[in-house]
N, C-alpha and C. Protein backbone atom coordinates (compact mmCIF):
# COMPACT_ATOMS: atom_id res chain seq x y z
N MET A 1 43.39 -11.13 -13.46
CA MET A 1 43.41 -11.41 -14.88
C MET A 1 42.01 -11.77 -15.38
N LYS A 2 41.26 -12.60 -14.62
CA LYS A 2 39.91 -12.97 -15.03
C LYS A 2 38.99 -11.76 -15.15
N PRO A 3 39.06 -10.79 -14.21
CA PRO A 3 38.20 -9.61 -14.37
C PRO A 3 38.48 -8.86 -15.67
N LEU A 4 39.75 -8.85 -16.10
CA LEU A 4 40.10 -8.17 -17.34
C LEU A 4 39.42 -8.86 -18.53
N PHE A 5 39.47 -10.19 -18.56
CA PHE A 5 38.82 -10.93 -19.64
C PHE A 5 37.31 -10.77 -19.60
N ALA A 6 36.75 -10.75 -18.40
CA ALA A 6 35.31 -10.55 -18.27
C ALA A 6 34.90 -9.18 -18.79
N CYS A 7 35.69 -8.16 -18.47
CA CYS A 7 35.40 -6.80 -18.97
C CYS A 7 35.52 -6.75 -20.49
N LEU A 8 36.54 -7.42 -21.02
CA LEU A 8 36.73 -7.45 -22.47
C LEU A 8 35.57 -8.17 -23.15
N ALA A 9 35.14 -9.28 -22.58
CA ALA A 9 34.01 -10.03 -23.15
C ALA A 9 32.75 -9.19 -23.12
N MET A 10 32.51 -8.49 -22.03
CA MET A 10 31.32 -7.64 -21.94
C MET A 10 31.37 -6.49 -22.93
N ALA A 11 32.57 -5.97 -23.18
CA ALA A 11 32.72 -4.87 -24.13
C ALA A 11 32.47 -5.34 -25.56
N LEU A 12 32.85 -6.58 -25.85
CA LEU A 12 32.68 -7.10 -27.21
C LEU A 12 31.27 -7.62 -27.46
N LEU A 13 30.50 -7.90 -26.43
CA LEU A 13 29.15 -8.42 -26.59
C LEU A 13 28.27 -7.54 -27.46
N PRO A 14 28.22 -6.21 -27.25
CA PRO A 14 27.38 -5.39 -28.13
C PRO A 14 27.82 -5.45 -29.59
N LEU A 15 29.14 -5.58 -29.82
CA LEU A 15 29.62 -5.67 -31.20
C LEU A 15 29.10 -6.95 -31.85
N SER A 16 29.10 -8.03 -31.09
CA SER A 16 28.57 -9.30 -31.60
C SER A 16 27.09 -9.18 -31.92
N ALA A 17 26.35 -8.56 -31.01
CA ALA A 17 24.91 -8.40 -31.22
C ALA A 17 24.66 -7.51 -32.44
N GLN A 18 25.44 -6.44 -32.57
CA GLN A 18 25.27 -5.55 -33.71
C GLN A 18 25.60 -6.27 -35.02
N ALA A 19 26.66 -7.06 -35.00
CA ALA A 19 27.03 -7.80 -36.21
C ALA A 19 25.92 -8.75 -36.62
N SER A 20 25.31 -9.43 -35.65
CA SER A 20 24.24 -10.36 -35.97
C SER A 20 22.96 -9.64 -36.36
N THR A 21 22.72 -8.46 -35.79
CA THR A 21 21.57 -7.66 -36.22
C THR A 21 21.76 -7.25 -37.68
N ASP A 22 22.98 -6.88 -38.03
CA ASP A 22 23.27 -6.55 -39.43
C ASP A 22 23.11 -7.77 -40.33
N LEU A 23 23.53 -8.93 -39.84
CA LEU A 23 23.36 -10.16 -40.61
C LEU A 23 21.88 -10.46 -40.83
N ALA A 24 21.06 -10.25 -39.80
CA ALA A 24 19.62 -10.46 -39.94
C ALA A 24 19.03 -9.50 -40.97
N ARG A 25 19.50 -8.25 -40.97
CA ARG A 25 19.03 -7.27 -41.95
C ARG A 25 19.42 -7.70 -43.36
N GLN A 26 20.69 -8.09 -43.53
CA GLN A 26 21.16 -8.54 -44.84
C GLN A 26 20.42 -9.79 -45.30
N TRP A 27 20.15 -10.69 -44.35
CA TRP A 27 19.42 -11.92 -44.65
C TRP A 27 18.02 -11.56 -45.16
N GLY A 28 17.37 -10.57 -44.53
CA GLY A 28 16.05 -10.13 -44.96
C GLY A 28 16.09 -9.51 -46.36
N LEU A 29 17.14 -8.73 -46.63
CA LEU A 29 17.28 -8.14 -47.97
C LEU A 29 17.50 -9.23 -49.02
N GLU A 30 18.31 -10.22 -48.68
CA GLU A 30 18.53 -11.34 -49.60
C GLU A 30 17.24 -12.12 -49.81
N ALA A 31 16.45 -12.27 -48.76
CA ALA A 31 15.16 -12.95 -48.88
C ALA A 31 14.26 -12.18 -49.84
N SER A 32 14.27 -10.86 -49.77
CA SER A 32 13.46 -10.05 -50.69
C SER A 32 13.89 -10.27 -52.13
N ARG A 33 15.20 -10.27 -52.35
CA ARG A 33 15.72 -10.47 -53.70
C ARG A 33 15.37 -11.87 -54.21
N LEU A 34 15.56 -12.87 -53.35
CA LEU A 34 15.24 -14.24 -53.76
C LEU A 34 13.75 -14.44 -53.97
N SER A 35 12.94 -13.75 -53.20
CA SER A 35 11.48 -13.82 -53.37
C SER A 35 11.10 -13.32 -54.76
N ALA A 36 11.67 -12.19 -55.14
CA ALA A 36 11.38 -11.62 -56.46
C ALA A 36 11.89 -12.54 -57.58
N GLU A 37 13.10 -13.05 -57.42
CA GLU A 37 13.66 -13.93 -58.44
C GLU A 37 12.86 -15.23 -58.56
N THR A 38 12.45 -15.78 -57.42
CA THR A 38 11.66 -17.01 -57.43
C THR A 38 10.30 -16.77 -58.08
N SER A 39 9.71 -15.63 -57.82
CA SER A 39 8.43 -15.29 -58.45
C SER A 39 8.56 -15.18 -59.96
N GLU A 40 9.68 -14.62 -60.42
CA GLU A 40 9.94 -14.53 -61.86
C GLU A 40 10.08 -15.92 -62.48
N ILE A 41 10.81 -16.80 -61.81
CA ILE A 41 10.99 -18.17 -62.31
C ILE A 41 9.63 -18.88 -62.32
N LEU A 42 8.86 -18.68 -61.27
CA LEU A 42 7.53 -19.30 -61.18
C LEU A 42 6.63 -18.81 -62.31
N TYR A 43 6.68 -17.53 -62.60
CA TYR A 43 5.89 -16.95 -63.68
C TYR A 43 6.31 -17.57 -65.03
N ALA A 44 7.63 -17.70 -65.23
CA ALA A 44 8.13 -18.29 -66.48
C ALA A 44 7.64 -19.73 -66.63
N VAL A 45 7.67 -20.49 -65.54
CA VAL A 45 7.19 -21.88 -65.59
C VAL A 45 5.70 -21.89 -65.91
N ASP A 46 4.94 -20.97 -65.30
CA ASP A 46 3.50 -20.89 -65.57
C ASP A 46 3.21 -20.51 -67.03
N GLN A 47 4.15 -19.84 -67.67
CA GLN A 47 4.00 -19.47 -69.07
C GLN A 47 4.45 -20.57 -70.02
N GLY A 48 4.81 -21.73 -69.45
CA GLY A 48 5.16 -22.88 -70.28
C GLY A 48 6.64 -23.06 -70.53
N GLN A 49 7.49 -22.21 -69.93
CA GLN A 49 8.92 -22.36 -70.13
C GLN A 49 9.44 -23.52 -69.28
N THR A 50 10.49 -24.13 -69.76
CA THR A 50 11.12 -25.23 -69.04
C THR A 50 11.90 -24.66 -67.86
N LEU A 51 11.77 -25.32 -66.73
CA LEU A 51 12.49 -24.87 -65.54
C LEU A 51 13.97 -25.14 -65.71
N ASP A 52 14.76 -24.08 -65.54
CA ASP A 52 16.21 -24.20 -65.59
C ASP A 52 16.76 -23.48 -64.37
N VAL A 53 17.14 -24.26 -63.35
CA VAL A 53 17.68 -23.68 -62.13
C VAL A 53 19.15 -23.35 -62.38
N SER A 54 19.47 -22.06 -62.40
CA SER A 54 20.85 -21.65 -62.65
C SER A 54 21.72 -21.97 -61.44
N ASP A 55 23.00 -22.11 -61.70
CA ASP A 55 23.94 -22.36 -60.61
C ASP A 55 23.95 -21.20 -59.62
N THR A 56 23.82 -19.99 -60.14
CA THR A 56 23.81 -18.80 -59.28
C THR A 56 22.62 -18.83 -58.34
N TYR A 57 21.45 -19.16 -58.85
CA TYR A 57 20.25 -19.23 -58.02
C TYR A 57 20.41 -20.32 -56.95
N ALA A 58 20.91 -21.48 -57.36
CA ALA A 58 21.09 -22.59 -56.42
C ALA A 58 22.07 -22.20 -55.30
N VAL A 59 23.16 -21.55 -55.64
CA VAL A 59 24.13 -21.11 -54.64
C VAL A 59 23.52 -20.07 -53.71
N ASP A 60 22.73 -19.16 -54.27
CA ASP A 60 22.08 -18.13 -53.45
C ASP A 60 21.09 -18.75 -52.45
N VAL A 61 20.33 -19.73 -52.89
CA VAL A 61 19.39 -20.41 -51.99
C VAL A 61 20.17 -21.17 -50.91
N TYR A 62 21.25 -21.81 -51.31
CA TYR A 62 22.08 -22.54 -50.35
C TYR A 62 22.67 -21.57 -49.31
N ARG A 63 23.18 -20.43 -49.77
CA ARG A 63 23.73 -19.43 -48.84
C ARG A 63 22.66 -18.90 -47.91
N PHE A 64 21.45 -18.70 -48.42
CA PHE A 64 20.33 -18.26 -47.59
C PHE A 64 20.09 -19.27 -46.47
N ALA A 65 20.12 -20.55 -46.82
CA ALA A 65 19.91 -21.61 -45.82
C ALA A 65 21.03 -21.61 -44.80
N ARG A 66 22.27 -21.47 -45.23
CA ARG A 66 23.40 -21.45 -44.30
C ARG A 66 23.32 -20.25 -43.37
N THR A 67 22.94 -19.10 -43.90
CA THR A 67 22.81 -17.91 -43.06
C THR A 67 21.67 -18.09 -42.07
N SER A 68 20.60 -18.75 -42.48
CA SER A 68 19.50 -19.04 -41.56
C SER A 68 20.00 -19.88 -40.38
N SER A 69 20.82 -20.87 -40.68
CA SER A 69 21.40 -21.70 -39.62
C SER A 69 22.32 -20.89 -38.71
N ASP A 70 23.11 -20.01 -39.32
CA ASP A 70 24.00 -19.16 -38.53
C ASP A 70 23.21 -18.26 -37.59
N LEU A 71 22.13 -17.70 -38.08
CA LEU A 71 21.30 -16.84 -37.24
C LEU A 71 20.65 -17.63 -36.10
N ALA A 72 20.24 -18.85 -36.37
CA ALA A 72 19.67 -19.70 -35.30
C ALA A 72 20.71 -19.94 -34.21
N ARG A 73 21.95 -20.24 -34.63
CA ARG A 73 23.01 -20.46 -33.64
C ARG A 73 23.29 -19.20 -32.85
N TRP A 74 23.28 -18.05 -33.52
CA TRP A 74 23.52 -16.78 -32.83
C TRP A 74 22.45 -16.53 -31.77
N ILE A 75 21.20 -16.79 -32.12
CA ILE A 75 20.09 -16.59 -31.18
C ILE A 75 20.25 -17.52 -29.98
N ASP A 76 20.62 -18.77 -30.25
CA ASP A 76 20.84 -19.72 -29.16
C ASP A 76 21.97 -19.26 -28.24
N THR A 77 23.07 -18.82 -28.83
CA THR A 77 24.22 -18.35 -28.06
C THR A 77 23.87 -17.13 -27.22
N ALA A 78 23.03 -16.25 -27.77
CA ALA A 78 22.64 -15.03 -27.06
C ALA A 78 21.47 -15.28 -26.11
N HIS A 79 21.07 -16.55 -25.97
CA HIS A 79 19.93 -16.92 -25.12
C HIS A 79 18.68 -16.15 -25.53
N GLY A 80 18.49 -16.06 -26.83
CA GLY A 80 17.32 -15.36 -27.37
C GLY A 80 16.12 -16.27 -27.45
N SER A 81 15.15 -15.83 -28.21
CA SER A 81 13.88 -16.53 -28.35
C SER A 81 14.08 -17.91 -29.00
N HIS A 82 13.64 -18.92 -28.28
CA HIS A 82 13.73 -20.29 -28.80
C HIS A 82 12.87 -20.43 -30.06
N GLU A 83 11.69 -19.80 -30.05
CA GLU A 83 10.79 -19.89 -31.20
C GLU A 83 11.43 -19.27 -32.45
N LEU A 84 12.09 -18.13 -32.28
CA LEU A 84 12.74 -17.48 -33.41
C LEU A 84 13.89 -18.34 -33.94
N SER A 85 14.64 -18.92 -33.02
CA SER A 85 15.72 -19.81 -33.42
C SER A 85 15.17 -21.00 -34.22
N CYS A 86 14.07 -21.55 -33.76
CA CYS A 86 13.44 -22.67 -34.47
C CYS A 86 12.96 -22.26 -35.86
N LEU A 87 12.45 -21.05 -35.97
CA LEU A 87 12.01 -20.56 -37.29
C LEU A 87 13.18 -20.49 -38.26
N PHE A 88 14.31 -19.97 -37.79
CA PHE A 88 15.49 -19.91 -38.66
C PHE A 88 15.93 -21.31 -39.08
N ARG A 89 15.94 -22.24 -38.14
CA ARG A 89 16.31 -23.62 -38.48
C ARG A 89 15.34 -24.23 -39.49
N SER A 90 14.07 -23.98 -39.28
CA SER A 90 13.05 -24.51 -40.18
C SER A 90 13.21 -23.92 -41.58
N MET A 91 13.50 -22.63 -41.66
CA MET A 91 13.69 -22.00 -42.97
C MET A 91 14.92 -22.54 -43.68
N ALA A 92 15.96 -22.82 -42.92
CA ALA A 92 17.17 -23.40 -43.51
C ALA A 92 16.84 -24.77 -44.10
N GLU A 93 16.15 -25.58 -43.31
CA GLU A 93 15.79 -26.92 -43.77
C GLU A 93 14.85 -26.87 -44.98
N GLN A 94 13.84 -26.01 -44.90
CA GLN A 94 12.88 -25.88 -46.00
C GLN A 94 13.58 -25.45 -47.29
N SER A 95 14.48 -24.48 -47.19
CA SER A 95 15.20 -23.99 -48.38
C SER A 95 16.03 -25.09 -49.00
N GLU A 96 16.77 -25.82 -48.18
CA GLU A 96 17.60 -26.90 -48.71
C GLU A 96 16.75 -28.01 -49.32
N ASP A 97 15.67 -28.38 -48.64
CA ASP A 97 14.78 -29.44 -49.16
C ASP A 97 14.19 -29.06 -50.51
N GLN A 98 13.71 -27.83 -50.61
CA GLN A 98 13.07 -27.40 -51.86
C GLN A 98 14.09 -27.25 -52.98
N LEU A 99 15.30 -26.81 -52.66
CA LEU A 99 16.35 -26.72 -53.67
C LEU A 99 16.70 -28.10 -54.19
N MET A 100 16.80 -29.07 -53.29
CA MET A 100 17.08 -30.44 -53.73
C MET A 100 15.94 -30.96 -54.60
N ALA A 101 14.71 -30.64 -54.25
CA ALA A 101 13.56 -31.08 -55.05
C ALA A 101 13.58 -30.44 -56.44
N LEU A 102 14.03 -29.19 -56.51
CA LEU A 102 14.10 -28.53 -57.82
C LEU A 102 15.18 -29.13 -58.69
N GLU A 103 16.26 -29.55 -58.08
CA GLU A 103 17.38 -30.08 -58.85
C GLU A 103 17.21 -31.55 -59.23
N THR A 104 16.23 -32.21 -58.63
CA THR A 104 15.94 -33.60 -58.96
C THR A 104 14.91 -33.62 -60.10
N PRO A 105 15.17 -34.41 -61.12
CA PRO A 105 14.19 -34.46 -62.21
C PRO A 105 12.84 -34.96 -61.71
N ASN A 106 11.89 -34.06 -61.67
CA ASN A 106 10.52 -34.37 -61.24
C ASN A 106 9.56 -33.99 -62.35
N ASP A 107 8.32 -34.25 -62.07
CA ASP A 107 7.34 -33.76 -63.02
C ASP A 107 7.18 -32.25 -62.80
N PRO A 108 6.75 -31.54 -63.81
CA PRO A 108 6.65 -30.08 -63.73
C PRO A 108 5.78 -29.57 -62.58
N TYR A 109 4.73 -30.32 -62.22
CA TYR A 109 3.88 -29.88 -61.11
C TYR A 109 4.65 -29.85 -59.80
N GLU A 110 5.44 -30.90 -59.53
CA GLU A 110 6.22 -30.95 -58.29
C GLU A 110 7.28 -29.86 -58.25
N GLN A 111 7.90 -29.58 -59.39
CA GLN A 111 8.89 -28.50 -59.44
C GLN A 111 8.22 -27.15 -59.18
N ARG A 112 7.05 -26.96 -59.75
CA ARG A 112 6.32 -25.71 -59.52
C ARG A 112 5.97 -25.56 -58.04
N GLU A 113 5.56 -26.65 -57.41
CA GLU A 113 5.23 -26.61 -55.98
C GLU A 113 6.46 -26.29 -55.14
N SER A 114 7.60 -26.81 -55.53
CA SER A 114 8.84 -26.48 -54.81
C SER A 114 9.15 -24.99 -54.95
N LEU A 115 8.96 -24.45 -56.13
CA LEU A 115 9.16 -23.01 -56.32
C LEU A 115 8.18 -22.21 -55.48
N ARG A 116 6.94 -22.65 -55.44
CA ARG A 116 5.92 -21.95 -54.66
C ARG A 116 6.28 -21.95 -53.18
N ARG A 117 6.76 -23.10 -52.69
CA ARG A 117 7.16 -23.18 -51.27
C ARG A 117 8.37 -22.30 -50.99
N LEU A 118 9.32 -22.26 -51.93
CA LEU A 118 10.47 -21.37 -51.75
C LEU A 118 10.02 -19.91 -51.73
N ALA A 119 9.13 -19.54 -52.63
CA ALA A 119 8.64 -18.16 -52.67
C ALA A 119 7.97 -17.79 -51.34
N ALA A 120 7.19 -18.70 -50.79
CA ALA A 120 6.53 -18.46 -49.51
C ALA A 120 7.55 -18.34 -48.38
N THR A 121 8.58 -19.18 -48.42
CA THR A 121 9.64 -19.12 -47.40
C THR A 121 10.35 -17.78 -47.44
N PHE A 122 10.70 -17.33 -48.64
CA PHE A 122 11.41 -16.05 -48.76
C PHE A 122 10.52 -14.88 -48.35
N SER A 123 9.25 -14.96 -48.69
CA SER A 123 8.32 -13.90 -48.29
C SER A 123 8.20 -13.84 -46.77
N ASP A 124 8.07 -14.99 -46.13
CA ASP A 124 8.01 -15.03 -44.67
C ASP A 124 9.32 -14.54 -44.05
N ALA A 125 10.42 -14.85 -44.69
CA ALA A 125 11.73 -14.45 -44.16
C ALA A 125 11.86 -12.93 -44.08
N GLU A 126 11.24 -12.24 -45.01
CA GLU A 126 11.29 -10.77 -44.97
C GLU A 126 10.71 -10.26 -43.65
N ARG A 127 9.59 -10.81 -43.23
CA ARG A 127 8.95 -10.39 -41.98
C ARG A 127 9.72 -10.88 -40.76
N ILE A 128 10.24 -12.09 -40.84
CA ILE A 128 10.98 -12.65 -39.72
C ILE A 128 12.28 -11.87 -39.49
N ALA A 129 12.89 -11.39 -40.56
CA ALA A 129 14.12 -10.59 -40.42
C ALA A 129 13.85 -9.34 -39.60
N ILE A 130 12.71 -8.73 -39.81
CA ILE A 130 12.35 -7.54 -39.04
C ILE A 130 12.20 -7.90 -37.56
N ALA A 131 11.54 -9.01 -37.29
CA ALA A 131 11.37 -9.45 -35.90
C ALA A 131 12.72 -9.77 -35.27
N ALA A 132 13.61 -10.40 -36.02
CA ALA A 132 14.92 -10.76 -35.49
C ALA A 132 15.73 -9.51 -35.17
N GLN A 133 15.66 -8.52 -36.03
CA GLN A 133 16.38 -7.27 -35.76
C GLN A 133 15.83 -6.58 -34.53
N ARG A 134 14.53 -6.55 -34.42
CA ARG A 134 13.88 -5.90 -33.27
C ARG A 134 14.25 -6.63 -31.99
N ARG A 135 14.18 -7.95 -32.01
CA ARG A 135 14.49 -8.73 -30.80
C ARG A 135 15.96 -8.63 -30.45
N ALA A 136 16.82 -8.54 -31.44
CA ALA A 136 18.25 -8.42 -31.15
C ALA A 136 18.55 -7.06 -30.53
N SER A 137 17.89 -6.03 -31.01
CA SER A 137 18.19 -4.70 -30.50
C SER A 137 17.63 -4.49 -29.10
N THR A 138 16.57 -5.20 -28.75
CA THR A 138 16.01 -5.06 -27.40
C THR A 138 16.50 -6.15 -26.47
N ARG A 139 17.25 -7.13 -27.01
CA ARG A 139 17.84 -8.21 -26.23
C ARG A 139 16.80 -8.93 -25.39
N VAL A 140 15.75 -9.40 -26.06
CA VAL A 140 14.71 -10.16 -25.39
C VAL A 140 15.30 -11.43 -24.81
N GLN A 141 14.91 -11.76 -23.59
CA GLN A 141 15.39 -12.96 -22.93
C GLN A 141 14.67 -14.19 -23.47
N SER A 142 15.27 -15.32 -23.27
CA SER A 142 14.72 -16.58 -23.73
C SER A 142 13.38 -16.86 -23.08
N SER A 143 12.58 -17.65 -23.75
CA SER A 143 11.28 -18.03 -23.23
C SER A 143 11.40 -19.09 -22.15
N GLY A 144 12.63 -19.37 -21.73
CA GLY A 144 12.83 -20.36 -20.67
C GLY A 144 13.23 -21.72 -21.22
N GLN A 145 13.18 -21.88 -22.52
CA GLN A 145 13.57 -23.14 -23.11
C GLN A 145 15.05 -23.10 -23.43
N HIS A 146 15.68 -24.21 -23.34
CA HIS A 146 17.09 -24.33 -23.63
C HIS A 146 17.26 -24.57 -25.13
N PRO A 147 18.38 -24.06 -25.73
CA PRO A 147 18.60 -24.27 -27.16
C PRO A 147 18.55 -25.72 -27.59
N SER A 148 18.81 -26.66 -26.68
CA SER A 148 18.75 -28.06 -27.08
C SER A 148 17.32 -28.60 -27.09
N THR A 149 16.36 -27.79 -26.61
CA THR A 149 14.96 -28.20 -26.65
C THR A 149 14.56 -28.34 -28.11
N PRO A 150 13.93 -29.43 -28.49
CA PRO A 150 13.56 -29.61 -29.90
C PRO A 150 12.58 -28.53 -30.36
N CYS A 151 12.73 -28.17 -31.60
CA CYS A 151 11.82 -27.19 -32.19
C CYS A 151 10.50 -27.87 -32.52
N VAL A 152 9.42 -27.23 -32.15
CA VAL A 152 8.10 -27.72 -32.51
C VAL A 152 7.46 -26.63 -33.35
N ILE A 153 7.53 -26.82 -34.64
CA ILE A 153 6.99 -25.86 -35.58
C ILE A 153 5.69 -26.45 -36.12
N SER A 154 4.69 -25.59 -36.23
CA SER A 154 3.36 -26.08 -36.58
C SER A 154 3.20 -26.47 -38.05
N GLY A 155 4.21 -26.30 -38.82
CA GLY A 155 4.03 -26.69 -40.21
C GLY A 155 5.23 -26.32 -41.05
N SER A 156 5.12 -25.19 -41.71
CA SER A 156 6.11 -24.85 -42.72
C SER A 156 7.22 -23.96 -42.24
N GLY A 157 7.25 -23.58 -40.98
CA GLY A 157 8.30 -22.70 -40.52
C GLY A 157 8.06 -21.30 -41.01
N THR A 158 6.86 -20.82 -40.87
CA THR A 158 6.51 -19.52 -41.39
C THR A 158 6.30 -18.52 -40.26
N SER A 159 6.01 -17.29 -40.64
CA SER A 159 5.80 -16.25 -39.64
C SER A 159 4.61 -16.54 -38.75
N ALA A 160 3.69 -17.37 -39.17
CA ALA A 160 2.57 -17.76 -38.32
C ALA A 160 3.07 -18.49 -37.08
N ASP A 161 4.21 -19.17 -37.20
CA ASP A 161 4.78 -19.89 -36.08
C ASP A 161 5.43 -18.95 -35.07
N LEU A 162 5.66 -17.71 -35.45
CA LEU A 162 6.30 -16.73 -34.57
C LEU A 162 5.33 -16.18 -33.55
N ARG A 163 4.03 -16.28 -33.79
CA ARG A 163 3.04 -15.72 -32.88
C ARG A 163 2.95 -16.45 -31.59
């Protein structure tokens, strides 16, 4: 009976990897859309308009952060790159932090900086999504670190940390 379950698990493994590769692709496409939308909001603020974070934008940023966390867990489960997993976690945290900063009444300069950081996060996410898809399709083995090893990111959780 155990060999049957083992065979079934092995047969389903590629489907899981493919589903997560698709999720990484969709996450990258969403990052592109959010990057463009954030740039438009940033431009409007620079033109003197009052910042108005729509509920739709806030939900989209929140979903982006949740998907980032899901991708980090998938990489950990697949014994993938610890660094890539940490990048996804960092992007999730950065997105949530900046969204909270935008929704808190601040001075316009701080709100603009939060938008700028979000735009940079989404721009980096576009490149990281490509790396995640590539690594998922080639099934790169872990760097030897365990998923419980703390993430050491050099700063903002950007593609520079992937090198």
